[in-house]
Every structure is written in structure tokens, then in C-alpha cells.
Protein backbone atom coordinates (compact mmCIF):
# COMPACT_ATOMS: atom_id res chain seq x y z
CA MET A 1 8.56 5.74 27.07
CA SER A 2 12.20 5.87 27.95
CA THR A 3 14.48 6.62 24.99
CA GLY A 4 17.54 4.93 26.41
CA SER A 5 19.60 7.78 25.00
CA ALA A 6 21.31 8.74 28.25
CA THR A 7 23.15 5.42 28.40
CA ILE A 8 24.46 5.93 24.87
CA ALA A 9 26.06 9.31 25.58
CA PRO A 10 27.06 9.18 29.27
CA GLY A 11 28.76 12.57 29.19
CA ALA A 12 25.79 14.38 27.82
CA GLY A 13 22.60 15.46 29.50
CA ALA A 14 19.22 13.95 28.70
CA ASP A 15 18.22 16.98 26.60
CA ALA A 16 21.39 16.79 24.52
CA ALA A 17 20.93 13.06 23.99
CA MET A 18 17.31 13.60 22.93
CA ALA A 19 18.42 16.28 20.48
CA ILE A 20 20.93 13.86 18.92
CA GLU A 21 18.24 11.19 18.67
CA LYS A 22 15.77 13.51 16.95
CA ARG A 23 18.46 14.70 14.58
CA ALA A 24 19.42 11.13 13.70
CA PHE A 25 15.89 9.95 12.93
CA ALA A 26 15.10 13.16 11.00
CA LYS A 27 18.23 12.61 8.94
CA ILE A 28 17.22 9.00 8.22
CA ALA A 29 13.69 10.03 7.26
CA TRP A 30 14.88 12.70 4.84
CA ARG A 31 17.39 10.30 3.32
CA LEU A 32 15.14 7.28 2.82
CA LEU A 33 11.53 8.40 2.62
CA PRO A 34 11.47 10.69 -0.45
CA LEU A 35 12.82 7.96 -2.74
CA LEU A 36 10.67 5.24 -1.15
CA ILE A 37 7.54 7.40 -1.38
CA VAL A 38 8.16 8.04 -5.07
CA ALA A 39 8.78 4.29 -5.51
CA TYR A 40 5.44 3.46 -3.91
CA ILE A 41 3.65 6.07 -6.02
CA ALA A 42 5.02 4.26 -9.08
CA ASN A 43 4.10 0.89 -7.56
CA PHE A 44 0.49 1.71 -6.84
CA LEU A 45 0.05 3.63 -10.08
CA ASP A 46 1.19 0.60 -12.09
CA ARG A 47 -1.23 -1.61 -10.14
CA THR A 48 -4.30 0.54 -10.56
CA ASN A 49 -3.83 2.53 -13.79
CA VAL A 50 -5.76 -0.24 -15.53
CA GLY A 51 -8.89 1.45 -14.16
CA PHE A 52 -8.18 4.50 -16.32
CA ALA A 53 -6.91 2.48 -19.27
CA ALA A 54 -10.26 0.65 -19.18
CA LEU A 55 -12.09 3.85 -20.15
CA THR A 56 -10.93 3.19 -23.74
CA MET A 57 -9.05 -0.12 -23.66
CA ASN A 58 -12.15 -2.21 -22.85
CA LYS A 59 -13.74 -1.29 -26.16
CA ASP A 60 -10.50 -1.60 -28.17
CA VAL A 61 -9.58 -5.12 -27.01
CA GLY A 62 -13.05 -6.40 -26.07
CA LEU A 63 -13.07 -6.61 -22.25
CA SER A 64 -16.29 -6.85 -20.21
CA ALA A 65 -16.55 -5.45 -16.68
CA THR A 66 -16.21 -9.01 -15.33
CA GLU A 67 -13.05 -9.61 -17.39
CA LEU A 68 -11.62 -6.26 -16.32
CA GLY A 69 -12.26 -7.06 -12.65
CA TYR A 70 -10.78 -10.54 -12.95
CA GLY A 71 -7.71 -9.30 -14.80
CA ALA A 72 -7.19 -6.41 -12.40
CA GLY A 73 -7.38 -8.83 -9.48
CA ILE A 74 -5.29 -11.66 -10.93
CA LEU A 75 -2.22 -9.52 -10.27
CA PHE A 76 -2.66 -10.35 -6.60
CA LEU A 77 -2.62 -14.10 -7.19
CA GLY A 78 0.83 -13.81 -8.73
CA TYR A 79 1.78 -11.50 -5.89
CA CYS A 80 0.49 -13.96 -3.29
CA PHE A 81 2.35 -17.02 -4.61
CA PHE A 82 5.74 -15.28 -4.69
CA GLU A 83 5.46 -12.96 -1.70
CA VAL A 84 7.13 -15.08 0.99
CA PRO A 85 9.98 -16.37 -1.26
CA SER A 86 10.65 -12.81 -2.41
CA ASN A 87 10.89 -11.45 1.13
CA ILE A 88 13.16 -14.30 2.25
CA ALA A 89 15.38 -13.44 -0.72
CA LEU A 90 15.38 -9.80 0.44
CA TYR A 91 16.49 -10.94 3.90
CA ARG A 92 19.31 -12.99 2.36
CA PHE A 93 20.53 -10.56 -0.31
CA GLY A 94 19.71 -7.23 1.34
CA ALA A 95 17.03 -4.62 0.68
CA ARG A 96 19.21 -2.47 -1.57
CA ILE A 97 19.69 -5.14 -4.24
CA TRP A 98 16.36 -6.90 -3.97
CA LEU A 99 14.07 -3.86 -3.93
CA SER A 100 15.94 -2.57 -6.98
CA ARG A 101 15.41 -5.90 -8.77
CA ILE A 102 11.70 -5.82 -7.96
CA MET A 103 11.23 -2.31 -9.32
CA VAL A 104 13.11 -2.80 -12.58
CA THR A 105 11.24 -6.00 -13.47
CA TRP A 106 7.77 -4.69 -12.59
CA GLY A 107 8.45 -1.48 -14.53
CA LEU A 108 9.33 -3.42 -17.67
CA ILE A 109 6.25 -5.66 -17.38
CA SER A 110 4.00 -2.65 -16.70
CA MET A 111 5.27 -1.06 -19.91
CA ALA A 112 4.58 -4.35 -21.74
CA MET A 113 0.88 -4.00 -20.82
CA MET A 114 0.65 -1.84 -23.94
CA PHE A 115 0.75 -5.09 -25.97
CA THR A 116 -2.57 -6.34 -24.55
CA THR A 117 -4.74 -7.71 -27.37
CA GLY A 118 -7.58 -9.42 -25.50
CA PRO A 119 -8.61 -11.09 -22.23
CA LYS A 120 -5.94 -13.84 -22.30
CA SER A 121 -2.96 -11.55 -22.88
CA PHE A 122 -4.44 -9.14 -20.29
CA TYR A 123 -4.62 -11.92 -17.69
CA VAL A 124 -1.08 -13.16 -18.39
CA LEU A 125 0.54 -9.73 -18.21
CA ARG A 126 -1.33 -8.79 -15.02
CA PHE A 127 -0.32 -12.08 -13.39
CA LEU A 128 3.34 -11.51 -14.34
CA LEU A 129 3.13 -7.96 -13.00
CA GLY A 130 2.04 -9.41 -9.64
CA VAL A 131 4.93 -11.89 -9.67
CA ALA A 132 7.39 -9.06 -10.37
CA GLU A 133 5.95 -6.82 -7.61
CA ALA A 134 5.89 -9.59 -4.99
CA GLY A 135 7.74 -8.64 -1.84
CA PHE A 136 7.95 -4.90 -2.44
CA PHE A 137 5.64 -3.58 0.26
CA PRO A 138 6.50 -6.07 3.06
CA GLY A 139 10.12 -5.70 2.04
CA VAL A 140 9.97 -1.96 2.63
CA ALA A 141 8.04 -2.46 5.90
CA PHE A 142 10.73 -4.89 7.07
CA TYR A 143 13.44 -2.48 5.91
CA LEU A 144 11.98 0.54 7.73
CA ALA A 145 11.67 -1.50 10.95
CA GLN A 146 15.46 -1.80 10.86
CA TRP A 147 15.76 1.99 10.99
CA PHE A 148 12.88 3.24 13.17
CA PRO A 149 11.60 2.10 16.61
CA ALA A 150 7.89 1.49 17.26
CA GLN A 151 7.39 5.02 18.61
CA TYR A 152 7.91 6.42 15.10
CA ARG A 153 6.64 3.59 12.95
CA ALA A 154 2.98 4.46 12.27
CA ARG A 155 3.98 7.96 11.17
CA ILE A 156 6.88 6.70 9.04
CA LEU A 157 4.67 4.05 7.42
CA ALA A 158 1.98 6.68 6.87
CA TRP A 159 4.48 8.84 4.98
CA PHE A 160 5.54 5.85 2.90
CA LEU A 161 1.91 4.85 2.30
CA PHE A 162 1.27 8.45 1.32
CA GLY A 163 2.26 7.02 -2.06
CA ILE A 164 -1.14 5.28 -2.39
CA PRO A 165 -3.44 8.32 -2.41
CA ALA A 166 -0.67 10.38 -4.03
CA SER A 167 -0.52 7.91 -6.92
CA ALA A 168 -4.22 8.44 -7.56
CA LEU A 169 -3.91 12.19 -6.97
CA ILE A 170 -1.20 12.35 -9.62
CA GLY A 171 -2.32 9.40 -11.71
CA GLY A 172 -5.89 10.57 -12.30
CA PRO A 173 -5.07 13.80 -14.13
CA VAL A 174 -1.93 12.35 -15.79
CA SER A 175 -3.75 9.23 -16.99
CA SER A 176 -6.62 11.26 -18.40
CA LEU A 177 -4.13 13.44 -20.31
CA LEU A 178 -2.25 10.40 -21.64
CA LEU A 179 -5.52 9.00 -22.98
CA GLU A 180 -5.72 12.14 -25.11
CA LEU A 181 -2.58 10.99 -27.01
CA ASN A 182 -4.78 8.51 -28.85
CA GLY A 183 -3.35 7.97 -32.35
CA VAL A 184 0.02 9.63 -31.73
CA ALA A 185 2.81 7.52 -33.30
CA GLY A 186 0.19 4.94 -34.13
CA LEU A 187 -0.50 4.06 -30.49
CA ALA A 188 -3.82 4.17 -28.64
CA GLY A 189 -4.10 6.49 -25.65
CA TRP A 190 -4.24 3.57 -23.23
CA GLN A 191 -0.99 2.20 -24.74
CA TRP A 192 0.74 5.52 -24.09
CA LEU A 193 -0.60 5.34 -20.54
CA PHE A 194 1.08 1.99 -19.83
CA LEU A 195 4.31 2.96 -21.60
CA VAL A 196 4.81 6.30 -19.85
CA GLU A 197 3.63 5.25 -16.38
CA GLY A 198 5.71 2.05 -16.32
CA ALA A 199 9.03 3.74 -17.12
CA PRO A 200 9.57 5.56 -13.74
CA ALA A 201 9.75 2.25 -11.84
CA VAL A 202 12.80 1.22 -13.88
CA ILE A 203 14.53 4.55 -13.23
CA ILE A 204 13.77 4.54 -9.49
CA GLY A 205 14.96 0.93 -9.20
CA ILE A 206 18.36 2.01 -10.50
CA LEU A 207 18.47 4.98 -8.10
CA LEU A 208 17.82 2.67 -5.13
CA ILE A 209 21.15 0.92 -5.79
CA ILE A 210 22.90 4.28 -5.56
CA PHE A 211 21.22 5.92 -2.55
CA VAL A 212 20.04 3.10 -0.23
CA THR A 213 22.07 1.22 2.40
CA ASP A 214 20.83 -1.92 4.10
CA THR A 215 21.44 -1.02 7.77
CA PRO A 216 22.20 2.06 9.89
CA GLU A 217 25.70 0.67 10.53
CA GLN A 218 26.48 0.94 6.80
CA ALA A 219 25.24 4.53 6.50
CA ALA A 220 28.26 6.78 5.94
CA TRP A 221 25.96 9.79 6.30
CA LEU A 222 25.30 9.02 10.02
CA THR A 223 27.85 9.80 12.71
CA ALA A 224 29.10 7.03 14.99
CA GLU A 225 27.05 8.50 17.86
CA GLU A 226 23.91 8.64 15.75
CA LYS A 227 24.38 5.03 14.64
CA ALA A 228 24.74 3.92 18.26
CA ILE A 229 21.59 5.74 19.34
CA VAL A 230 19.53 4.35 16.45
CA ARG A 231 20.64 0.79 17.16
CA ALA A 232 20.05 1.17 20.93
CA ARG A 233 16.54 2.55 20.46
CA ILE A 234 15.53 -0.29 18.14
CA THR A 235 17.04 -3.14 20.17
CA ALA A 236 15.86 -1.81 23.56
CA GLU A 237 12.16 -1.42 22.77
CA PRO A 238 9.81 -3.89 24.51
CA LYS A 239 8.18 -6.51 22.29
CA GLU A 240 5.15 -8.75 22.64
CA ARG A 241 6.27 -12.43 22.80
CA GLU A 242 8.77 -11.82 20.05
CA ARG A 243 8.97 -14.19 17.06
CA ARG A 244 12.33 -14.49 15.30
CA ASP A 245 11.84 -17.88 13.61
CA LEU A 246 10.12 -18.31 10.24
CA TRP A 247 7.80 -21.24 11.01
CA GLY A 248 6.81 -19.86 14.39
CA SER A 249 5.81 -16.54 12.85
CA LEU A 250 3.72 -18.22 10.12
CA LYS A 251 1.55 -20.10 12.63
CA ASP A 252 1.34 -17.33 15.25
CA PRO A 253 -2.38 -16.50 15.84
CA ARG A 254 -1.61 -12.79 15.75
CA VAL A 255 -0.15 -13.17 12.26
CA LEU A 256 -3.14 -15.21 11.07
CA ILE A 257 -5.68 -12.69 12.40
CA LEU A 258 -3.77 -9.78 10.91
CA ALA A 259 -3.71 -11.53 7.52
CA ALA A 260 -7.51 -11.89 7.70
CA VAL A 261 -7.94 -8.25 8.78
CA GLN A 262 -5.89 -7.02 5.85
CA PHE A 263 -7.70 -9.32 3.42
CA CYS A 264 -11.06 -7.82 4.40
CA PHE A 265 -10.12 -4.15 4.24
CA LEU A 266 -8.19 -4.62 0.99
CA VAL A 267 -11.31 -6.13 -0.61
CA GLY A 268 -12.84 -2.70 0.01
CA ALA A 269 -9.76 -0.68 -0.88
CA TYR A 270 -9.06 -2.28 -4.26
CA GLY A 271 -12.71 -2.73 -5.17
CA VAL A 272 -13.19 1.03 -4.88
CA GLY A 273 -9.74 1.96 -6.22
CA ILE A 274 -10.00 0.02 -9.47
CA PHE A 275 -13.62 0.90 -10.28
CA LEU A 276 -13.79 4.52 -9.05
CA PRO A 277 -13.07 5.93 -12.56
CA LEU A 278 -15.84 3.78 -14.07
CA ILE A 279 -18.26 4.67 -11.24
CA LEU A 280 -17.68 8.36 -11.96
CA LYS A 281 -17.86 7.79 -15.72
CA GLY A 282 -21.35 6.42 -15.10
CA GLN A 283 -22.37 9.96 -14.14
CA ASN A 284 -21.68 11.00 -17.76
CA PHE A 285 -18.51 12.95 -17.01
CA SER A 286 -15.78 13.20 -19.66
CA ASN A 287 -12.58 11.18 -19.27
CA PHE A 288 -10.74 14.42 -18.45
CA THR A 289 -13.23 15.33 -15.69
CA VAL A 290 -13.13 11.80 -14.27
CA GLY A 291 -9.34 12.09 -13.94
CA PHE A 292 -9.60 15.22 -11.83
CA LEU A 293 -12.59 14.06 -9.77
CA THR A 294 -10.69 10.94 -8.67
CA ALA A 295 -7.96 13.24 -7.35
CA ILE A 296 -10.28 14.82 -4.76
CA PRO A 297 -10.76 11.78 -2.44
CA ASN A 298 -7.07 11.02 -2.71
CA LEU A 299 -6.03 14.58 -1.91
CA ILE A 300 -8.12 14.38 1.25
CA ALA A 301 -6.59 10.97 2.02
CA CYS A 302 -3.05 12.34 1.57
CA VAL A 303 -3.58 14.88 4.35
CA GLY A 304 -5.94 12.84 6.51
CA MET A 305 -3.84 9.67 6.75
CA ILE A 306 -0.76 11.59 7.96
CA LEU A 307 -2.75 13.41 10.66
CA TRP A 308 -4.67 10.28 11.67
CA ALA A 309 -1.57 8.07 11.88
CA GLY A 310 0.24 10.74 13.89
CA ALA A 311 -2.63 10.88 16.39
CA THR A 312 -2.58 7.07 16.64
CA ASP A 313 1.17 7.09 17.33
CA ARG A 314 0.69 9.63 20.10
CA SER A 315 -2.20 7.74 21.70
CA GLY A 316 -0.64 4.31 21.24
CA GLY A 317 -4.08 2.78 20.61
CA ARG A 318 -3.37 1.03 17.34
CA ILE A 319 -6.14 -1.58 17.59
CA ASN A 320 -8.81 1.05 18.22
CA GLY A 321 -7.29 3.25 15.52
CA LEU A 322 -7.33 0.46 12.93
CA ALA A 323 -10.91 -0.53 13.78
CA LEU A 324 -12.05 3.09 13.42
CA THR A 325 -10.55 3.41 9.93
CA CYS A 326 -12.52 0.35 8.79
CA ILE A 327 -15.72 1.68 10.39
CA VAL A 328 -15.35 5.00 8.54
CA SER A 329 -14.75 3.17 5.24
CA GLY A 330 -17.67 0.77 5.74
CA VAL A 331 -20.07 3.57 6.63
CA GLY A 332 -18.81 5.62 3.68
CA LEU A 333 -19.58 2.84 1.21
CA GLY A 334 -22.98 2.35 2.82
CA LEU A 335 -23.77 6.03 2.25
CA ALA A 336 -22.63 5.73 -1.37
CA VAL A 337 -25.17 2.93 -1.88
CA LEU A 338 -28.07 4.48 0.05
CA PHE A 339 -27.66 7.88 -1.62
CA SER A 340 -26.51 6.72 -5.05
CA SER A 341 -28.93 9.10 -6.75
CA TRP A 342 -27.49 12.05 -4.79
CA PHE A 343 -24.06 12.51 -6.34
CA LEU A 344 -22.51 14.80 -3.72
CA ILE A 345 -23.48 12.52 -0.80
CA ALA A 346 -22.41 9.37 -2.65
CA PHE A 347 -19.12 11.02 -3.62
CA ALA A 348 -18.55 12.04 0.01
CA GLY A 349 -19.14 8.42 1.03
CA LEU A 350 -16.61 7.17 -1.52
CA THR A 351 -14.16 9.81 -0.27
CA ALA A 352 -14.59 8.54 3.31
CA ALA A 353 -13.90 4.99 2.07
CA VAL A 354 -10.67 6.09 0.34
CA LEU A 355 -9.54 8.03 3.44
CA GLY A 356 -10.31 5.14 5.80
CA THR A 357 -8.67 2.37 3.78
CA SER A 358 -5.59 4.51 3.09
CA THR A 359 -5.11 5.21 6.80
CA ALA A 360 -5.85 1.59 7.73
CA ARG A 361 -2.72 0.48 5.89
CA ALA A 362 -0.45 2.82 7.86
CA ILE A 363 -1.82 1.86 11.27
CA PHE A 364 -2.04 -1.83 10.36
CA TRP A 365 1.64 -2.28 9.51
CA SER A 366 2.80 -0.72 12.77
CA ILE A 367 1.25 -3.69 14.64
CA PRO A 368 3.13 -6.82 13.40
CA THR A 369 6.53 -5.11 13.60
CA ARG A 370 6.02 -4.96 17.38
CA PHE A 371 6.39 -8.72 17.76
CA LEU A 372 8.21 -9.95 14.62
CA SER A 373 11.95 -9.61 13.99
CA GLY A 374 14.76 -11.18 11.95
CA ILE A 375 13.80 -13.89 9.46
CA GLY A 376 10.50 -14.18 11.36
CA ALA A 377 9.70 -10.59 10.37
CA ALA A 378 10.78 -11.09 6.76
CA GLY A 379 8.61 -14.19 6.38
CA GLY A 380 5.78 -13.13 8.70
CA LEU A 381 5.24 -9.73 7.08
CA ALA A 382 5.33 -11.33 3.64
CA PHE A 383 2.84 -14.01 4.73
CA ILE A 384 0.44 -11.41 6.12
CA ASN A 385 0.68 -9.43 2.92
CA SER A 386 0.39 -12.45 0.62
CA ILE A 387 -2.84 -13.61 2.28
CA GLY A 388 -4.15 -10.10 2.79
CA THR A 389 -3.59 -8.96 -0.77
CA ILE A 390 -5.80 -11.74 -2.11
CA GLY A 391 -8.39 -9.13 -1.16
CA GLY A 392 -7.02 -7.21 -4.12
CA PHE A 393 -8.24 -10.07 -6.31
CA VAL A 394 -11.60 -10.53 -4.58
CA GLY A 395 -12.58 -6.83 -4.46
CA PRO A 396 -12.29 -5.96 -8.18
CA SER A 397 -13.60 -9.39 -9.23
CA LEU A 398 -16.66 -8.98 -6.99
CA MET A 399 -17.31 -5.47 -8.29
CA GLY A 400 -17.00 -6.52 -11.93
CA TYR A 401 -19.19 -9.60 -11.56
CA LEU A 402 -21.97 -7.78 -9.68
CA LYS A 403 -21.88 -4.86 -12.12
CA ASP A 404 -22.48 -7.20 -15.06
CA ALA A 405 -25.07 -9.20 -13.10
CA THR A 406 -27.12 -6.25 -11.79
CA GLY A 407 -26.26 -3.40 -14.14
CA SER A 408 -25.29 -1.23 -11.18
CA PHE A 409 -22.26 -0.68 -8.93
CA ASN A 410 -24.45 -0.55 -5.79
CA ALA A 411 -24.49 -4.30 -5.09
CA GLY A 412 -20.71 -4.43 -5.33
CA LEU A 413 -20.25 -1.43 -3.03
CA ALA A 414 -22.61 -3.01 -0.48
CA GLY A 415 -20.54 -6.20 -0.57
CA LEU A 416 -17.31 -4.25 -0.06
CA SER A 417 -18.89 -2.49 2.94
CA ALA A 418 -19.74 -5.86 4.52
CA PHE A 419 -16.11 -6.98 4.24
CA LEU A 420 -14.96 -3.81 5.98
CA PHE A 421 -17.23 -4.44 8.96
CA VAL A 422 -15.90 -8.01 9.20
CA SER A 423 -12.46 -6.41 9.36
CA VAL A 424 -13.62 -4.35 12.35
CA ALA A 425 -14.67 -7.48 14.27
CA LEU A 426 -11.41 -9.27 13.47
CA THR A 427 -9.40 -6.23 14.55
CA TYR A 428 -11.02 -6.18 17.98
CA SER A 429 -10.31 -9.93 18.35
CA LEU A 430 -6.60 -9.02 18.43
CA ARG A 431 -7.15 -7.86 22.02
CA PHE A 432 -7.19 -11.52 23.10
CA PHE A 433 -3.62 -11.94 21.86
CA ILE A 434 -1.93 -8.51 22.06
CA GLN A 435 -1.62 -7.09 25.55
CA ARG A 436 0.65 -4.09 25.02
CA GLU A 437 -0.80 -1.28 22.91
């Protein structure tokens, strides 16, 4: 693929222009990604730490597995309803201000989860947490598309999405240790968990105001030549039947299929993510051991998703790459069901599911940014995510209901596997609408 760099610096050779381009994008990555990765670690931790809190909270406040699953998932209903308006607001007010607002409000509500007293208060606080978080992920995806061309996007998104397995890698051991504070200052361990793990989002939200700029043109830390190269690379890249208008993007068949694809693989991702601590607890491990066991699949996912996304960027085959991640996850869950009495094999299957669904996110979000831009990208990405993340409601709710109905997690895991294979079929249907890989 031509970089277009030679036309930006006419007096320089192609090698010199390429060196400037690489330096510019490396500088952007080092400036933006560390803070955004930490922000997403906080985001995903505050979404899913309820799975660890449930190890003691369920008994304290009287939650059944069904009520836990419903409450864990209701976050995504609040998220869904406010996703598109939030991303349109981000487009109007700028990423710097709006992402900061999102983080501060969700951090405060996450901390307020410590005041849960029963199912009703649990449902209300989780719903409000979803409302507060709405727009964060598609907002960041839209924001990064303003800084990086398609050639870099799967890798950049993979580094950002590194926050998902990293949150579990960090959150498992930290959450298990916080549960040990039970009784300190008159608070239960699960209350300390919500209080301590919600606070970083508020701090990071304030830091975003200080360190983030909305566009490359506003970045004082880029030279004029670097700014020109970045803008030229982004505006010159070929796009598939580009959509810049809001309504056109919302009814585009590619957008609708992608929303369905994400819905199906997020049913699997959140169903496993929320209930993994309880699945492991069913093997009679201590809370402390459960915390460290959950770190293993996520450690593997941290490394695997970066390597996998990088290989997909180099090959350019994003549809095949996305389908393969869902196949690996679906097969992994199938193995966990078939070999449920063999812990090591079942655990390996669950690990494959975590790796596959983590990588699916990175590859997935490099696809719609190829044909959406402007307000069409802000609204289209939010619409995809708002529909897709309903899977975050369905997955935990399905797992909780089937656990109470059957007394086992196997029926739920089998259902999640079926959704992942539907995602594979939908992914391949994109070939009828997307010509350029």
C-alpha cells in the first residue's frame, strides 16, 4: 500500500519520508495509548468486578444466580439506550471533554455500588453504571480513527483492547485480596472492592483533560511535518462506499450485520467473563485461588490478542481473522462442556474462549472504520456497539437462568457456544457487502 509520504515531503527521499511517518505514529501511540489502555482497564474492571463481589455479596444481600446474571447484564441496557446520543455528543463537544465526563461519572457510580442492599438497588445501580459508561468504547474507536490509518488500526485497537484481559489479569488477584478486608472500618470485603476499584476511573478522567488533544492538528507535541503526514495518510486511504451521514450509516447493511456479529460474540464473552469466578469456585477453590486462576486465561489473552491482531493487520484478511476468533471461542466452550469433569481440559477450553473473544474485539473494530467517517462514524460505531452490547445482557442472564434451572454451568456454556458459531456465519456474510479486505 502506498504511504503517500513522498508527496508530503517533496525534498526528501522515500526512505526519509517513511522514517518520519513511522516516528510520527510511534510518537502518537506512546502519547495516547498508555492512558487509554489504563482507562479501559478501569472500564472493564468496573463492569465485571461484580463477578468477584458475588463470591460474598450474594449471601450478604440475598442475590440468586439468576438475579446476579440479570443485574450484571442490565448494565448493557442502560448502555444501549444512551450509546448513540453519547457518541453524537462526543462528536459535537470533542473527545477530550466527553471521554473525561464519561469516566468521572462512571467511577462515582461504580463506587456507589458499595451501597447495594438487595436485588432492586443492585439493578438500579448497574443500570445507572451502564448509562454513565455509554459511548466510551465507540468514542475511543472513533477517536483513534482520527489519528491512525487502516494499516495500523487492528494493532492499535488490540493494544487498547489489551485493557480487557489486563483488567481480569489485574482484577482477579486484586479483587480477591480486597475481599479479605471484610470487616475493616465496618465495611464488607465486597464493599471495599467497589470503593477501591471505582476510584481510578475518576482520577484517569481528570488526567484525560490534561494530556489528550482532539485532533493531530492540535497536538503541540507533533512537528508541522508530522502533522501533515498523519493527515495525508488518513485522508488518502481508500474506503469502501464511504458513509459520512448519520442516517445512512444506521441503515447500511454492513453496519447492521456487524451489530449482529458483535451481539453474538459478546453473548459468549460476557457470559464467560462474569461467571468465570463462580465456575472456578464450583471446583472448591478458595476465593484467593480463584482470583489467581482467572488471571491465567487473561494473561494468555494479553499476549495472544496482540500477536493475532498484528498477523491480521499484515495479512489484511479481517473477515477471515474475525471468523477464526469466534470459531476458537466456540470450540473452546464446547470442550469445557464435554470435558467438564476433567478440570485441566475444561480450563483450557475456557482459556481458548477468553483468548478468542478478546481478539475478536480488536479485529472487529478495524472493519467499520474502513467505511464510516465524520458524524456517520460517530453514530454508526455507537449504533453497532449499542446493539452489539445487548449481548452483554443476554450472556450473563442466560448463564444465571440456566444455572438455577439445571444446577450446572454446562447448559449455559453450550448456549454461549451456539451464539459464537452464529457469529461465524454472520461474519462470512459480510463478504457479500465488503469487497476490499
